[in-house]
Amino acid sequence: MIDSNDKTNSPAESGRGRSRSDGDQTRQRILQAAGDLFGKQGFSATTNKSVAESAGVDLASINYHFGSRNGLYQAVLVEAHRSIVSLDFLQQLQQSPASPEQKLAGLVRFLARVVTARQSWNVRVLVREILVPSIDLRALVDAEITPKIVIVRQLLAAIAGLDVNDPRLATAMIQLAGPCLMLLVVDERLPLPVGEVRQQPPEQVAEQMLCFLIAGLKGLASTA
C-alpha cells in the first residue's frame, strides 16, 4: 500500500523537475557567457551568435530565455548589479536590530570588499554602462537601483536625523556612492589616489569612508 503522504515524484513530475533545472542551468550559462563578452568587447560588438557559441547553446535558447539581445543585455546588467550588492542583503540589513550607524558600517565594509577586489565581468559590464549609458540602463534602474536607493536613503536619513524626503540626502547618497564608483571605474595602475586606495586593505578603506560619511551626516542637519 502506498502512503497518501508519499512525496516520491512520478516519472513525469521528475522529468518536469529536470527540465526546469536544465532550463535554469542553461539560462545561467548564457548569462555568464554574455556577461563575459559584453564586459570585454561591449554590447554593439557582441552578437547573439557569439554568445550562443560561447555558452554552447543554440540561438533559440537565447530567444527563449531572454526574448532578444536587448533582453539578454538587460538581464546581464541586473545580474551584474546584484553581484555588487543585492536587494536581499539590503533588506536583511534594514531589518536587523543594529543601530543605523552599525548598519551603515556593515554596508560600507561590504562595498569596500567588493569594489577593491579584482575586477570580474560583472564589474566590467557595469563600468561600460556607467561610462557610456545605453537605452537599457532604464531597465536596470527600475529593477535594481531604485528599490535599493529607497533603503539606503532611509538609513542615511536615520543617521542624519532628517526626513527621508529631505533633498539634502541626495548629496549624502553621492558621498556614499561616489567613492565606490571611482574605485570601480578608475584603473588602479594609473598614478592617482584611487590606485593608492585600492592597494589598502578593504577594512581600512571602509573605516576611512565611514569617518567621512558619519561626520558628514551628523553635520548635514545644520546646513541650510
Protein backbone atom coordinates (compact mmCIF):
# COMPACT_ATOMS: atom_id res chain seq x y z
CA MET A 1 0.00 0.00 0.00
CA ILE A 2 1.30 3.45 -0.91
CA ASP A 3 1.08 6.13 1.76
CA SER A 4 -1.01 9.07 0.59
CA ASN A 5 1.68 11.36 2.00
CA ASP A 6 4.41 9.76 -0.08
CA LYS A 7 6.39 12.59 -1.74
CA THR A 8 8.00 10.45 -4.43
CA ASN A 9 7.61 12.13 -7.79
CA SER A 10 6.12 10.34 -10.75
CA PRO A 11 8.36 9.91 -13.83
CA ALA A 12 6.53 12.79 -15.50
CA GLU A 13 6.98 15.03 -12.47
CA SER A 14 10.65 14.07 -12.24
CA GLY A 15 11.07 14.90 -15.90
CA ARG A 16 9.49 18.31 -15.39
CA GLY A 17 11.80 18.93 -12.44
CA ARG A 18 14.83 18.04 -14.51
CA SER A 19 13.60 20.27 -17.34
CA ARG A 20 13.25 23.22 -15.01
CA SER A 21 16.69 22.57 -13.56
CA ASP A 22 18.21 22.19 -17.01
CA GLY A 23 16.48 25.39 -18.09
CA ASP A 24 17.88 27.30 -15.12
CA GLN A 25 21.35 25.98 -15.81
CA THR A 26 21.10 26.93 -19.47
CA ARG A 27 19.91 30.43 -18.60
CA GLN A 28 22.76 30.89 -16.15
CA ARG A 29 25.29 29.59 -18.67
CA ILE A 30 24.04 32.09 -21.24
CA LEU A 31 24.20 34.91 -18.69
CA GLN A 32 27.78 34.09 -17.76
CA ALA A 33 28.90 33.83 -21.38
CA ALA A 34 27.11 37.02 -22.39
CA GLY A 35 28.43 38.92 -19.36
CA ASP A 36 31.98 37.94 -20.15
CA LEU A 37 31.64 39.02 -23.80
CA PHE A 38 29.76 42.24 -23.03
CA GLY A 39 32.39 43.08 -20.42
CA LYS A 40 35.29 42.51 -22.80
CA GLN A 41 34.00 43.97 -26.06
CA GLY A 42 30.78 45.87 -25.31
CA PHE A 43 27.18 45.45 -26.39
CA SER A 44 27.50 46.58 -30.01
CA ALA A 45 30.34 44.15 -30.78
CA THR A 46 28.66 41.16 -29.13
CA THR A 47 26.20 39.15 -31.22
CA ASN A 48 23.72 36.52 -30.11
CA LYS A 49 25.65 34.07 -32.26
CA SER A 50 28.90 34.69 -30.38
CA VAL A 51 27.10 34.34 -27.04
CA ALA A 52 25.46 31.10 -28.15
CA GLU A 53 28.79 29.67 -29.29
CA SER A 54 30.48 30.66 -26.03
CA ALA A 55 27.65 29.23 -23.91
CA GLY A 56 27.36 26.05 -26.00
CA VAL A 57 23.69 26.59 -26.82
CA ASP A 58 21.65 27.34 -29.92
CA LEU A 59 20.26 30.76 -30.81
CA ALA A 60 16.75 29.65 -29.97
CA SER A 61 17.77 29.22 -26.33
CA ILE A 62 18.71 32.90 -26.08
CA ASN A 63 15.41 34.00 -27.56
CA TYR A 64 13.52 31.57 -25.31
CA HIS A 65 15.09 32.79 -22.07
CA PHE A 66 15.63 36.48 -22.85
CA GLY A 67 13.47 37.38 -25.84
CA SER A 68 16.11 39.45 -27.64
CA ARG A 69 19.69 40.69 -27.48
CA ASN A 70 18.50 43.74 -25.54
CA GLY A 71 16.61 41.49 -23.16
CA LEU A 72 19.78 39.47 -22.63
CA TYR A 73 21.84 42.61 -22.02
CA GLN A 74 19.30 43.92 -19.52
CA ALA A 75 19.44 40.61 -17.65
CA VAL A 76 23.24 40.79 -17.60
CA LEU A 77 23.11 44.33 -16.18
CA VAL A 78 20.73 43.22 -13.44
CA GLU A 79 22.88 40.20 -12.60
CA ALA A 80 25.99 42.38 -12.51
CA HIS A 81 24.43 44.91 -10.15
CA ARG A 82 23.17 42.17 -7.85
CA SER A 83 26.71 40.86 -7.60
CA ILE A 84 27.81 44.23 -6.21
CA VAL A 85 25.02 44.49 -3.65
CA SER A 86 21.75 42.57 -3.68
CA LEU A 87 18.33 43.78 -2.58
CA ASP A 88 18.11 40.80 -0.22
CA PHE A 89 21.29 41.92 1.54
CA LEU A 90 19.95 45.46 1.99
CA GLN A 91 16.58 44.23 3.23
CA GLN A 92 18.25 41.98 5.80
CA LEU A 93 20.43 44.89 6.88
CA GLN A 94 17.39 47.14 7.17
CA GLN A 95 15.50 44.61 9.32
CA SER A 96 18.40 43.86 11.65
CA PRO A 97 18.26 45.16 15.26
CA ALA A 98 21.55 47.04 14.84
CA SER A 99 21.74 50.82 15.16
CA PRO A 100 21.66 52.94 11.97
CA GLU A 101 25.38 53.66 12.37
CA GLN A 102 26.14 49.93 12.70
CA LYS A 103 24.03 49.17 9.64
CA LEU A 104 25.88 51.79 7.61
CA ALA A 105 29.19 50.35 8.79
CA GLY A 106 28.11 46.90 7.64
CA LEU A 107 27.10 48.25 4.24
CA VAL A 108 30.29 50.25 3.72
CA ARG A 109 32.52 47.35 4.78
CA PHE A 110 30.71 45.07 2.35
CA LEU A 111 31.01 47.57 -0.51
CA ALA A 112 34.68 48.19 0.23
CA ARG A 113 35.44 44.49 -0.15
CA VAL A 114 33.57 44.35 -3.45
CA VAL A 115 34.96 47.46 -5.12
CA THR A 116 38.58 46.83 -4.11
CA ALA A 117 38.52 43.21 -5.28
CA ARG A 118 39.89 42.04 -8.61
CA GLN A 119 37.54 43.03 -11.39
CA SER A 120 35.22 40.38 -12.84
CA TRP A 121 32.96 40.56 -15.87
CA ASN A 122 30.21 41.86 -13.57
CA VAL A 123 32.25 44.95 -12.79
CA ARG A 124 33.46 45.43 -16.37
CA VAL A 125 29.88 45.38 -17.68
CA LEU A 126 28.73 47.95 -15.13
CA VAL A 127 31.73 50.18 -15.79
CA ARG A 128 31.00 50.18 -19.52
CA GLU A 129 27.37 51.04 -18.84
CA ILE A 130 28.30 53.83 -16.41
CA LEU A 131 30.77 55.42 -18.84
CA VAL A 132 28.56 55.04 -21.93
CA PRO A 133 24.93 54.65 -20.81
CA SER A 134 22.63 52.76 -23.17
CA ILE A 135 18.87 52.71 -23.62
CA ASP A 136 18.86 49.57 -21.48
CA LEU A 137 20.00 51.44 -18.37
CA ARG A 138 16.37 52.25 -17.57
CA ALA A 139 15.62 48.56 -17.02
CA LEU A 140 18.49 48.32 -14.53
CA VAL A 141 17.34 51.44 -12.68
CA ASP A 142 13.77 50.19 -12.40
CA ALA A 143 14.60 46.59 -11.49
CA GLU A 144 17.56 47.03 -9.16
CA ILE A 145 18.77 50.53 -8.41
CA THR A 146 15.56 52.32 -7.36
CA PRO A 147 14.45 49.87 -4.62
CA LYS A 148 18.00 49.82 -3.24
CA ILE A 149 18.17 53.61 -3.16
CA VAL A 150 14.97 53.71 -1.08
CA ILE A 151 16.51 51.51 1.63
CA VAL A 152 19.86 53.31 1.71
CA ARG A 153 18.17 56.72 1.79
CA GLN A 154 16.11 55.66 4.81
CA LEU A 155 19.29 54.54 6.55
CA LEU A 156 21.11 57.81 5.88
CA ALA A 157 18.07 59.81 6.98
CA ALA A 158 18.01 57.99 10.32
CA ILE A 159 21.66 58.85 10.99
CA ALA A 160 21.33 62.48 9.87
CA GLY A 161 18.06 62.99 11.76
CA LEU A 162 16.33 64.21 8.62
CA ASP A 163 13.06 63.39 6.90
CA VAL A 164 13.59 60.73 4.25
CA ASN A 165 12.35 63.14 1.56
CA ASP A 166 14.79 65.90 2.53
CA PRO A 167 16.64 66.94 -0.67
CA ARG A 168 19.92 67.20 1.28
CA LEU A 169 20.01 63.41 1.44
CA ALA A 170 20.73 63.33 -2.30
CA THR A 171 24.18 64.75 -1.55
CA ALA A 172 24.68 62.14 1.15
CA MET A 173 23.83 59.41 -1.35
CA ILE A 174 26.50 60.76 -3.70
CA GLN A 175 29.02 60.82 -0.85
CA LEU A 176 28.38 57.11 -0.36
CA ALA A 177 28.19 56.06 -4.00
CA GLY A 178 30.90 58.35 -5.39
CA PRO A 179 33.97 56.65 -3.89
CA CYS A 180 32.58 53.24 -4.82
CA LEU A 181 32.08 54.30 -8.44
CA MET A 182 35.57 55.79 -8.59
CA LEU A 183 37.09 52.57 -7.30
CA LEU A 184 35.12 50.59 -9.86
CA VAL A 185 35.81 52.80 -12.87
CA VAL A 186 39.40 54.05 -12.49
CA ASP A 187 42.21 51.62 -13.31
CA GLU A 188 44.37 51.04 -10.24
CA ARG A 189 47.52 51.27 -12.38
CA LEU A 190 47.01 54.97 -13.00
CA PRO A 191 49.10 57.32 -10.83
CA LEU A 192 46.08 58.67 -8.99
CA PRO A 193 44.81 58.49 -5.39
CA VAL A 194 42.43 55.75 -6.48
CA GLY A 195 45.39 53.47 -7.11
CA GLU A 196 46.70 54.15 -3.62
CA VAL A 197 43.32 53.41 -2.08
CA ARG A 198 42.90 50.12 -3.94
CA GLN A 199 46.23 48.95 -2.57
CA GLN A 200 44.98 49.32 1.00
CA PRO A 201 43.15 46.54 2.88
CA PRO A 202 39.36 46.74 2.35
CA GLU A 203 38.78 47.13 6.10
CA GLN A 204 41.00 50.21 6.16
CA VAL A 205 39.23 51.70 3.14
CA ALA A 206 35.85 51.10 4.80
CA GLU A 207 36.86 52.82 8.04
CA GLN A 208 38.10 55.87 6.14
CA MET A 209 34.87 56.07 4.14
CA LEU A 210 32.83 55.72 7.33
CA CYS A 211 34.77 58.50 9.01
CA PHE A 212 33.76 60.97 6.30
CA LEU A 213 30.23 59.66 5.94
CA ILE A 214 29.27 59.70 9.61
CA ALA A 215 30.79 63.15 10.16
CA GLY A 216 29.03 64.48 7.07
CA LEU A 217 25.68 63.01 8.02
CA LYS A 218 25.88 64.34 11.57
CA GLY A 219 26.57 67.83 10.23
CA LEU A 220 24.03 67.70 7.42
CA ALA A 221 21.08 68.76 9.56
CA SER A 222 22.81 72.06 10.39
CA THR A 223 23.09 73.07 6.73
CA ALA A 224 20.53 75.27 5.03
